[in-house]
């Protein structure tokens, strides 16, 4: 289970929290005003998350292409996917 720390406490315990994330492979969530805007994770976990996101983006592009939708540039597709991600995060 992830542990959540208020920003002020995380600031005071940053070294300890970084070590827990790095060596204990814990995910440390840091909240500000009651919302969890960030987390400390290892670089390996971040790399894996990015790889999974890229795979999902490629699969989405392949589905759109197979559906015979309009041809768009890579940049336009990435802008559209980013906008979808932002709408999903806002809801």
PDB file of N, CA and C in Angstrom:
ATOM      1  N   UNK A   1       0.842  -1.179   0.000  1.00  0.00           N
ATOM      2  CA  UNK A   1       0.000   0.000   0.000  1.00  0.00           C
ATOM      3  C   UNK A   1       0.888   1.243   0.000  1.00  0.00           C
ATOM      4  N   UNK A   2       0.510   2.217  -0.796  1.00  0.00           N
ATOM      5  CA  UNK A   2       1.258   3.473  -0.856  1.00  0.00           C
ATOM      6  C   UNK A   2       1.026   4.262   0.419  1.00  0.00           C
ATOM      7  N   UNK A   3       2.057   4.952   0.838  1.00  0.00           N
ATOM      8  CA  UNK A   3       1.914   5.854   1.976  1.00  0.00           C
ATOM      9  C   UNK A   3       1.879   7.280   1.460  1.00  0.00           C
ATOM     10  N   UNK A   4       1.024   8.094   2.066  1.00  0.00           N
ATOM     11  CA  UNK A   4       0.877   9.484   1.656  1.00  0.00           C
ATOM     12  C   UNK A   4       1.407  10.397   2.753  1.00  0.00           C
ATOM     13  N   UNK A   5       2.180  11.386   2.333  1.00  0.00           N
ATOM     14  CA  UNK A   5       2.755  12.357   3.255  1.00  0.00           C
ATOM     15  C   UNK A   5       2.366  13.758   2.810  1.00  0.00           C
ATOM     16  N   UNK A   6       2.017  14.618   3.760  1.00  0.00           N
ATOM     17  CA  UNK A   6       1.814  16.020   3.409  1.00  0.00           C
ATOM     18  C   UNK A   6       3.139  16.615   2.916  1.00  0.00           C
ATOM     19  N   UNK A   7       3.040  17.584   2.063  1.00  0.00           N
ATOM     20  CA  UNK A   7       4.230  18.179   1.459  1.00  0.00           C
ATOM     21  C   UNK A   7       5.239  18.654   2.504  1.00  0.00           C
ATOM     22  N   UNK A   8       4.786  19.323   3.548  1.00  0.00           N
ATOM     23  CA  UNK A   8       5.712  19.844   4.573  1.00  0.00           C
ATOM     24  C   UNK A   8       6.468  18.706   5.253  1.00  0.00           C
ATOM     25  N   UNK A   9       5.772  17.628   5.568  1.00  0.00           N
ATOM     26  CA  UNK A   9       6.430  16.490   6.210  1.00  0.00           C
ATOM     27  C   UNK A   9       7.391  15.816   5.240  1.00  0.00           C
ATOM     28  N   UNK A  10       6.973  15.662   3.992  1.00  0.00           N
ATOM     29  CA  UNK A  10       7.840  15.040   2.989  1.00  0.00           C
ATOM     30  C   UNK A  10       9.113  15.855   2.801  1.00  0.00           C
ATOM     31  N   UNK A  11       8.981  17.162   2.821  1.00  0.00           N
ATOM     32  CA  UNK A  11      10.145  18.036   2.673  1.00  0.00           C
ATOM     33  C   UNK A  11      11.138  17.772   3.814  1.00  0.00           C
ATOM     34  N   UNK A  12      10.619  17.619   5.027  1.00  0.00           N
ATOM     35  CA  UNK A  12      11.481  17.392   6.187  1.00  0.00           C
ATOM     36  C   UNK A  12      12.100  16.006   6.200  1.00  0.00           C
ATOM     37  N   UNK A  13      11.452  15.045   5.552  1.00  0.00           N
ATOM     38  CA  UNK A  13      11.920  13.659   5.566  1.00  0.00           C
ATOM     39  C   UNK A  13      12.347  13.177   4.184  1.00  0.00           C
ATOM     40  N   UNK A  14      12.684  14.097   3.294  1.00  0.00           N
ATOM     41  CA  UNK A  14      12.927  13.749   1.902  1.00  0.00           C
ATOM     42  C   UNK A  14      13.999  12.668   1.733  1.00  0.00           C
ATOM     43  N   UNK A  15      15.108  12.797   2.403  1.00  0.00           N
ATOM     44  CA  UNK A  15      16.175  11.800   2.275  1.00  0.00           C
ATOM     45  C   UNK A  15      15.700  10.405   2.636  1.00  0.00           C
ATOM     46  N   UNK A  16      14.986  10.299   3.732  1.00  0.00           N
ATOM     47  CA  UNK A  16      14.459   9.003   4.183  1.00  0.00           C
ATOM     48  C   UNK A  16      13.443   8.459   3.174  1.00  0.00           C
ATOM     49  N   UNK A  17      12.563   9.323   2.682  1.00  0.00           N
ATOM     50  CA  UNK A  17      11.539   8.888   1.734  1.00  0.00           C
ATOM     51  C   UNK A  17      12.161   8.446   0.407  1.00  0.00           C
ATOM     52  N   UNK A  18      13.177   9.152  -0.047  1.00  0.00           N
ATOM     53  CA  UNK A  18      13.870   8.757  -1.278  1.00  0.00           C
ATOM     54  C   UNK A  18      14.511   7.389  -1.096  1.00  0.00           C
ATOM     55  N   UNK A  19      15.144   7.165   0.052  1.00  0.00           N
ATOM     56  CA  UNK A  19      15.757   5.857   0.311  1.00  0.00           C
ATOM     57  C   UNK A  19      14.713   4.748   0.358  1.00  0.00           C
ATOM     58  N   UNK A  20      13.555   5.022   0.936  1.00  0.00           N
ATOM     59  CA  UNK A  20      12.488   4.016   0.979  1.00  0.00           C
ATOM     60  C   UNK A  20      11.996   3.695  -0.428  1.00  0.00           C
ATOM     61  N   UNK A  21      11.868   4.715  -1.255  1.00  0.00           N
ATOM     62  CA  UNK A  21      11.434   4.480  -2.636  1.00  0.00           C
ATOM     63  C   UNK A  21      12.519   3.716  -3.399  1.00  0.00           C
ATOM     64  N   UNK A  22      13.763   4.131  -3.231  1.00  0.00           N
ATOM     65  CA  UNK A  22      14.869   3.535  -3.979  1.00  0.00           C
ATOM     66  C   UNK A  22      15.158   2.108  -3.536  1.00  0.00           C
ATOM     67  N   UNK A  23      15.315   1.895  -2.242  1.00  0.00           N
ATOM     68  CA  UNK A  23      15.755   0.588  -1.754  1.00  0.00           C
ATOM     69  C   UNK A  23      14.597  -0.325  -1.363  1.00  0.00           C
ATOM     70  N   UNK A  24      13.506   0.244  -0.913  1.00  0.00           N
ATOM     71  CA  UNK A  24      12.373  -0.567  -0.500  1.00  0.00           C
ATOM     72  C   UNK A  24      11.330  -0.717  -1.582  1.00  0.00           C
ATOM     73  N   UNK A  25      11.565  -0.075  -2.719  1.00  0.00           N
ATOM     74  CA  UNK A  25      10.628  -0.122  -3.853  1.00  0.00           C
ATOM     75  C   UNK A  25       9.218   0.261  -3.423  1.00  0.00           C
ATOM     76  N   UNK A  26       9.145   1.226  -2.502  1.00  0.00           N
ATOM     77  CA  UNK A  26       7.853   1.750  -2.071  1.00  0.00           C
ATOM     78  C   UNK A  26       7.474   2.925  -2.968  1.00  0.00           C
ATOM     79  N   UNK A  27       6.184   3.136  -3.101  1.00  0.00           N
ATOM     80  CA  UNK A  27       5.694   4.323  -3.771  1.00  0.00           C
ATOM     81  C   UNK A  27       5.255   5.287  -2.678  1.00  0.00           C
ATOM     82  N   UNK A  28       5.860   6.450  -2.651  1.00  0.00           N
ATOM     83  CA  UNK A  28       5.560   7.468  -1.653  1.00  0.00           C
ATOM     84  C   UNK A  28       4.768   8.573  -2.338  1.00  0.00           C
ATOM     85  N   UNK A  29       3.532   8.773  -1.911  1.00  0.00           N
ATOM     86  CA  UNK A  29       2.672   9.809  -2.479  1.00  0.00           C
ATOM     87  C   UNK A  29       2.820  11.063  -1.629  1.00  0.00           C
ATOM     88  N   UNK A  30       2.976  12.198  -2.289  1.00  0.00           N
ATOM     89  CA  UNK A  30       3.119  13.473  -1.586  1.00  0.00           C
ATOM     90  C   UNK A  30       1.908  14.324  -1.933  1.00  0.00           C
ATOM     91  N   UNK A  31       1.175  14.707  -0.879  1.00  0.00           N
ATOM     92  CA  UNK A  31      -0.051  15.476  -1.093  1.00  0.00           C
ATOM     93  C   UNK A  31       0.181  16.946  -0.774  1.00  0.00           C
ATOM     94  N   UNK A  32      -0.630  17.754  -1.396  1.00  0.00           N
ATOM     95  CA  UNK A  32      -0.599  19.187  -1.152  1.00  0.00           C
ATOM     96  C   UNK A  32      -2.049  19.638  -1.100  1.00  0.00           C
ATOM     97  N   UNK A  33      -2.473  20.188   0.003  1.00  0.00           N
ATOM     98  CA  UNK A  33      -3.869  20.599   0.183  1.00  0.00           C
ATOM     99  C   UNK A  33      -4.834  19.430   0.010  1.00  0.00           C
ATOM    100  N   UNK A  34      -4.415  18.236   0.447  1.00  0.00           N
ATOM    101  CA  UNK A  34      -5.295  17.086   0.408  1.00  0.00           C
ATOM    102  C   UNK A  34      -5.359  16.350  -0.909  1.00  0.00           C
ATOM    103  N   UNK A  35      -4.691  16.836  -1.950  1.00  0.00           N
ATOM    104  CA  UNK A  35      -4.692  16.126  -3.222  1.00  0.00           C
ATOM    105  C   UNK A  35      -3.322  15.508  -3.463  1.00  0.00           C
ATOM    106  N   UNK A  36      -3.254  14.293  -4.021  1.00  0.00           N
ATOM    107  CA  UNK A  36      -1.955  13.661  -4.263  1.00  0.00           C
ATOM    108  C   UNK A  36      -1.399  13.996  -5.652  1.00  0.00           C
ATOM    109  N   UNK A  37      -0.645  15.088  -5.773  1.00  0.00           N
ATOM    110  CA  UNK A  37      -0.178  15.489  -7.093  1.00  0.00           C
ATOM    111  C   UNK A  37       1.071  14.764  -7.588  1.00  0.00           C
ATOM    112  N   UNK A  38       1.876  14.190  -6.689  1.00  0.00           N
ATOM    113  CA  UNK A  38       3.131  13.569  -7.119  1.00  0.00           C
ATOM    114  C   UNK A  38       3.403  12.316  -6.303  1.00  0.00           C
ATOM    115  N   UNK A  39       4.329  11.503  -6.839  1.00  0.00           N
ATOM    116  CA  UNK A  39       4.758  10.309  -6.116  1.00  0.00           C
ATOM    117  C   UNK A  39       6.244  10.109  -6.355  1.00  0.00           C
ATOM    118  N   UNK A  40       6.912   9.551  -5.369  1.00  0.00           N
ATOM    119  CA  UNK A  40       8.305   9.144  -5.518  1.00  0.00           C
ATOM    120  C   UNK A  40       8.295   7.675  -5.914  1.00  0.00           C
ATOM    121  N   UNK A  41       8.890   7.366  -7.052  1.00  0.00           N
ATOM    122  CA  UNK A  41       9.030   5.988  -7.514  1.00  0.00           C
ATOM    123  C   UNK A  41      10.453   5.820  -8.034  1.00  0.00           C
ATOM    124  N   UNK A  42      10.889   4.575  -8.177  1.00  0.00           N
ATOM    125  CA  UNK A  42      12.223   4.337  -8.721  1.00  0.00           C
ATOM    126  C   UNK A  42      12.234   4.668 -10.214  1.00  0.00           C
ATOM    127  N   UNK A  43      13.422   4.918 -10.734  1.00  0.00           N
ATOM    128  CA  UNK A  43      13.548   5.173 -12.174  1.00  0.00           C
ATOM    129  C   UNK A  43      13.130   3.961 -12.984  1.00  0.00           C
ATOM    130  N   UNK A  44      13.382   2.754 -12.465  1.00  0.00           N
ATOM    131  CA  UNK A  44      12.934   1.547 -13.172  1.00  0.00           C
ATOM    132  C   UNK A  44      11.416   1.527 -13.310  1.00  0.00           C
ATOM    133  N   UNK A  45      10.711   1.890 -12.239  1.00  0.00           N
ATOM    134  CA  UNK A  45       9.250   1.928 -12.302  1.00  0.00           C
ATOM    135  C   UNK A  45       8.764   3.000 -13.275  1.00  0.00           C
ATOM    136  N   UNK A  46       9.399   4.156 -13.250  1.00  0.00           N
ATOM    137  CA  UNK A  46       9.033   5.228 -14.170  1.00  0.00           C
ATOM    138  C   UNK A  46       9.262   4.800 -15.610  1.00  0.00           C
ATOM    139  N   UNK A  47      10.379   4.150 -15.868  1.00  0.00           N
ATOM    140  CA  UNK A  47      10.680   3.652 -17.210  1.00  0.00           C
ATOM    141  C   UNK A  47       9.612   2.656 -17.659  1.00  0.00           C
ATOM    142  N   UNK A  48       9.212   1.756 -16.771  1.00  0.00           N
ATOM    143  CA  UNK A  48       8.183   0.774 -17.106  1.00  0.00           C
ATOM    144  C   UNK A  48       6.840   1.445 -17.368  1.00  0.00           C
ATOM    145  N   UNK A  49       6.490   2.426 -16.557  1.00  0.00           N
ATOM    146  CA  UNK A  49       5.243   3.160 -16.779  1.00  0.00           C
ATOM    147  C   UNK A  49       5.243   3.855 -18.138  1.00  0.00           C
ATOM    148  N   UNK A  50       6.361   4.455 -18.480  1.00  0.00           N
ATOM    149  CA  UNK A  50       6.461   5.132 -19.781  1.00  0.00           C
ATOM    150  C   UNK A  50       6.378   4.124 -20.927  1.00  0.00           C
ATOM    151  N   UNK A  51       7.026   2.952 -20.761  1.00  0.00           N
ATOM    152  CA  UNK A  51       6.967   1.922 -21.790  1.00  0.00           C
ATOM    153  C   UNK A  51       5.529   1.456 -21.995  1.00  0.00           C
ATOM    154  N   UNK A  52       4.819   1.221 -20.893  1.00  0.00           N
ATOM    155  CA  UNK A  52       3.427   0.782 -20.990  1.00  0.00           C
ATOM    156  C   UNK A  52       2.548   1.842 -21.649  1.00  0.00           C
ATOM    157  N   UNK A  53       2.791   3.108 -21.300  1.00  0.00           N
ATOM    158  CA  UNK A  53       2.028   4.201 -21.920  1.00  0.00           C
ATOM    159  C   UNK A  53       2.297   4.255 -23.418  1.00  0.00           C
ATOM    160  N   UNK A  54       3.559   4.110 -23.804  1.00  0.00           N
ATOM    161  CA  UNK A  54       3.904   4.131 -25.229  1.00  0.00           C
ATOM    162  C   UNK A  54       3.253   2.961 -25.962  1.00  0.00           C
ATOM    163  N   UNK A  55       3.258   1.772 -25.346  1.00  0.00           N
ATOM    164  CA  UNK A  55       2.613   0.610 -25.964  1.00  0.00           C
ATOM    165  C   UNK A  55       1.119   0.864 -26.149  1.00  0.00           C
ATOM    166  N   UNK A  56       0.493   1.456 -25.152  1.00  0.00           N
ATOM    167  CA  UNK A  56      -0.943   1.761 -25.253  1.00  0.00           C
ATOM    168  C   UNK A  56      -1.194   2.778 -26.361  1.00  0.00           C
ATOM    169  N   UNK A  57      -0.326   3.777 -26.477  1.00  0.00           N
ATOM    170  CA  UNK A  57      -0.469   4.784 -27.535  1.00  0.00           C
ATOM    171  C   UNK A  57      -0.329   4.142 -28.918  1.00  0.00           C
ATOM    172  N   UNK A  58       0.642   3.235 -29.065  1.00  0.00           N
ATOM    173  CA  UNK A  58       0.852   2.564 -30.347  1.00  0.00           C
ATOM    174  C   UNK A  58      -0.349   1.682 -30.680  1.00  0.00           C
ATOM    175  N   UNK A  59      -0.861   0.953 -29.681  1.00  0.00           N
ATOM    176  CA  UNK A  59      -2.030   0.107 -29.909  1.00  0.00           C
ATOM    177  C   UNK A  59      -3.234   0.952 -30.311  1.00  0.00           C
ATOM    178  N   UNK A  60      -3.402   2.102 -29.682  1.00  0.00           N
ATOM    179  CA  UNK A  60      -4.505   2.996 -30.038  1.00  0.00           C
ATOM    180  C   UNK A  60      -4.351   3.486 -31.479  1.00  0.00           C
ATOM    181  N   UNK A  61      -3.140   3.851 -31.849  1.00  0.00           N
ATOM    182  CA  UNK A  61      -2.896   4.309 -33.221  1.00  0.00           C
ATOM    183  C   UNK A  61      -3.167   3.186 -34.213  1.00  0.00           C
ATOM    184  N   UNK A  62      -2.760   1.967 -33.878  1.00  0.00           N
ATOM    185  CA  UNK A  62      -3.018   0.836 -34.764  1.00  0.00           C
ATOM    186  C   UNK A  62      -4.513   0.576 -34.914  1.00  0.00           C
ATOM    187  N   UNK A  63      -5.281   0.685 -33.818  1.00  0.00           N
ATOM    188  CA  UNK A  63      -6.734   0.495 -33.875  1.00  0.00           C
ATOM    189  C   UNK A  63      -7.373   1.561 -34.771  1.00  0.00           C
ATOM    190  N   UNK A  64      -6.929   2.797 -34.595  1.00  0.00           N
ATOM    191  CA  UNK A  64      -7.476   3.881 -35.412  1.00  0.00           C
ATOM    192  C   UNK A  64      -7.163   3.659 -36.895  1.00  0.00           C
ATOM    193  N   UNK A  65      -5.952   3.223 -37.176  1.00  0.00           N
ATOM    194  CA  UNK A  65      -5.553   2.977 -38.562  1.00  0.00           C
ATOM    195  C   UNK A  65      -6.379   1.836 -39.153  1.00  0.00           C
ATOM    196  N   UNK A  66      -6.552   0.757 -38.388  1.00  0.00           N
ATOM    197  CA  UNK A  66      -7.321  -0.400 -38.859  1.00  0.00           C
ATOM    198  C   UNK A  66      -8.786  -0.055 -39.073  1.00  0.00           C
ATOM    199  N   UNK A  67      -9.299   0.907 -38.312  1.00  0.00           N
ATOM    200  CA  UNK A  67     -10.702   1.306 -38.447  1.00  0.00           C
ATOM    201  C   UNK A  67     -10.933   2.159 -39.684  1.00  0.00           C
ATOM    202  N   UNK A  68      -9.849   2.516 -40.373  1.00  0.00           N
ATOM    203  CA  UNK A  68      -9.985   3.296 -41.595  1.00  0.00           C
ATOM    204  C   UNK A  68     -10.282   4.761 -41.345  1.00  0.00           C
ATOM    205  N   UNK A  69      -9.927   5.227 -40.166  1.00  0.00           N
ATOM    206  CA  UNK A  69     -10.156   6.623 -39.833  1.00  0.00           C
ATOM    207  C   UNK A  69      -9.266   7.540 -40.651  1.00  0.00           C
ATOM    208  N   UNK A  70      -9.439   8.823 -40.459  1.00  0.00           N
ATOM    209  CA  UNK A  70      -8.625   9.775 -41.229  1.00  0.00           C
ATOM    210  C   UNK A  70      -7.142   9.648 -40.873  1.00  0.00           C
ATOM    211  N   UNK A  71      -6.307   9.890 -41.837  1.00  0.00           N
ATOM    212  CA  UNK A  71      -4.868   9.859 -41.631  1.00  0.00           C
ATOM    213  C   UNK A  71      -4.457  11.179 -40.985  1.00  0.00           C
ATOM    214  N   UNK A  72      -3.718  11.078 -39.890  1.00  0.00           N
ATOM    215  CA  UNK A  72      -3.234  12.275 -39.189  1.00  0.00           C
ATOM    216  C   UNK A  72      -1.735  12.135 -38.967  1.00  0.00           C
ATOM    217  N   UNK A  73      -1.093  13.246 -38.763  1.00  0.00           N
ATOM    218  CA  UNK A  73       0.342  13.219 -38.489  1.00  0.00           C
ATOM    219  C   UNK A  73       0.580  12.674 -37.089  1.00  0.00           C
ATOM    220  N   UNK A  74       1.791  12.219 -36.861  1.00  0.00           N
ATOM    221  CA  UNK A  74       2.162  11.730 -35.534  1.00  0.00           C
ATOM    222  C   UNK A  74       1.955  12.819 -34.483  1.00  0.00           C
ATOM    223  N   UNK A  75       2.368  14.030 -34.818  1.00  0.00           N
ATOM    224  CA  UNK A  75       2.237  15.149 -33.879  1.00  0.00           C
ATOM    225  C   UNK A  75       0.771  15.405 -33.530  1.00  0.00           C
ATOM    226  N   UNK A  76      -0.101  15.383 -34.528  1.00  0.00           N
ATOM    227  CA  UNK A  76      -1.527  15.609 -34.280  1.00  0.00           C
ATOM    228  C   UNK A  76      -2.109  14.492 -33.422  1.00  0.00           C
ATOM    229  N   UNK A  77      -1.697  13.253 -33.689  1.00  0.00           N
ATOM    230  CA  UNK A  77      -2.180  12.130 -32.884  1.00  0.00           C
ATOM    231  C   UNK A  77      -1.721  12.260 -31.442  1.00  0.00           C
ATOM    232  N   UNK A  78      -0.467  12.612 -31.240  1.00  0.00           N
ATOM    233  CA  UNK A  78       0.052  12.754 -29.882  1.00  0.00           C
ATOM    234  C   UNK A  78      -0.668  13.881 -29.147  1.00  0.00           C
ATOM    235  N   UNK A  79      -0.967  14.968 -29.836  1.00  0.00           N
ATOM    236  CA  UNK A  79      -1.728  16.064 -29.230  1.00  0.00           C
ATOM    237  C   UNK A  79      -3.114  15.583 -28.818  1.00  0.00           C
ATOM    238  N   UNK A  80      -3.741  14.788 -29.674  1.00  0.00           N
ATOM    239  CA  UNK A  80      -5.078  14.267 -29.366  1.00  0.00           C
ATOM    240  C   UNK A  80      -5.030  13.319 -28.171  1.00  0.00           C
ATOM    241  N   UNK A  81      -4.032  12.429 -28.147  1.00  0.00           N
ATOM    242  CA  UNK A  81      -3.896  11.498 -27.025  1.00  0.00           C
ATOM    243  C   UNK A  81      -3.623  12.246 -25.725  1.00  0.00           C
ATOM    244  N   UNK A  82      -2.805  13.275 -25.786  1.00  0.00           N
ATOM    245  CA  UNK A  82      -2.516  14.086 -24.599  1.00  0.00           C
ATOM    246  C   UNK A  82      -3.779  14.764 -24.098  1.00  0.00           C
ATOM    247  N   UNK A  83      -4.575  15.292 -25.008  1.00  0.00           N
ATOM    248  CA  UNK A  83      -5.838  15.934 -24.615  1.00  0.00           C
ATOM    249  C   UNK A  83      -6.778  14.927 -23.975  1.00  0.00           C
ATOM    250  N   UNK A  84      -6.823  13.689 -24.514  1.00  0.00           N
ATOM    251  CA  UNK A  84      -7.651  12.636 -23.917  1.00  0.00           C
ATOM    252  C   UNK A  84      -7.167  12.309 -22.511  1.00  0.00           C
ATOM    253  N   UNK A  85      -5.850  12.213 -22.338  1.00  0.00           N
ATOM    254  CA  UNK A  85      -5.281  11.935 -21.019  1.00  0.00           C
ATOM    255  C   UNK A  85      -5.637  13.035 -20.029  1.00  0.00           C
ATOM    256  N   UNK A  86      -5.567  14.287 -20.462  1.00  0.00           N
ATOM    257  CA  UNK A  86      -5.905  15.404 -19.578  1.00  0.00           C
ATOM    258  C   UNK A  86      -7.368  15.402 -19.202  1.00  0.00           C
ATOM    259  N   UNK A  87      -8.240  15.079 -20.165  1.00  0.00           N
ATOM    260  CA  UNK A  87      -9.670  14.997 -19.843  1.00  0.00           C
ATOM    261  C   UNK A  87      -9.938  13.863 -18.845  1.00  0.00           C
ATOM    262  N   UNK A  88      -9.268  12.738 -19.021  1.00  0.00           N
ATOM    263  CA  UNK A  88      -9.445  11.606 -18.116  1.00  0.00           C
ATOM    264  C   UNK A  88      -8.936  11.946 -16.721  1.00  0.00           C
ATOM    265  N   UNK A  89      -7.813  12.659 -16.643  1.00  0.00           N
ATOM    266  CA  UNK A  89      -7.256  13.031 -15.343  1.00  0.00           C
ATOM    267  C   UNK A  89      -8.141  14.043 -14.626  1.00  0.00           C
ATOM    268  N   UNK A  90      -8.821  14.889 -15.385  1.00  0.00           N
ATOM    269  CA  UNK A  90      -9.669  15.919 -14.789  1.00  0.00           C
ATOM    270  C   UNK A  90     -10.969  15.330 -14.255  1.00  0.00           C
ATOM    271  N   UNK A  91     -11.355  14.167 -14.750  1.00  0.00           N
ATOM    272  CA  UNK A  91     -12.634  13.588 -14.307  1.00  0.00           C
ATOM    273  C   UNK A  91     -12.474  12.637 -13.148  1.00  0.00           C
TER     274      UNK A  91
END
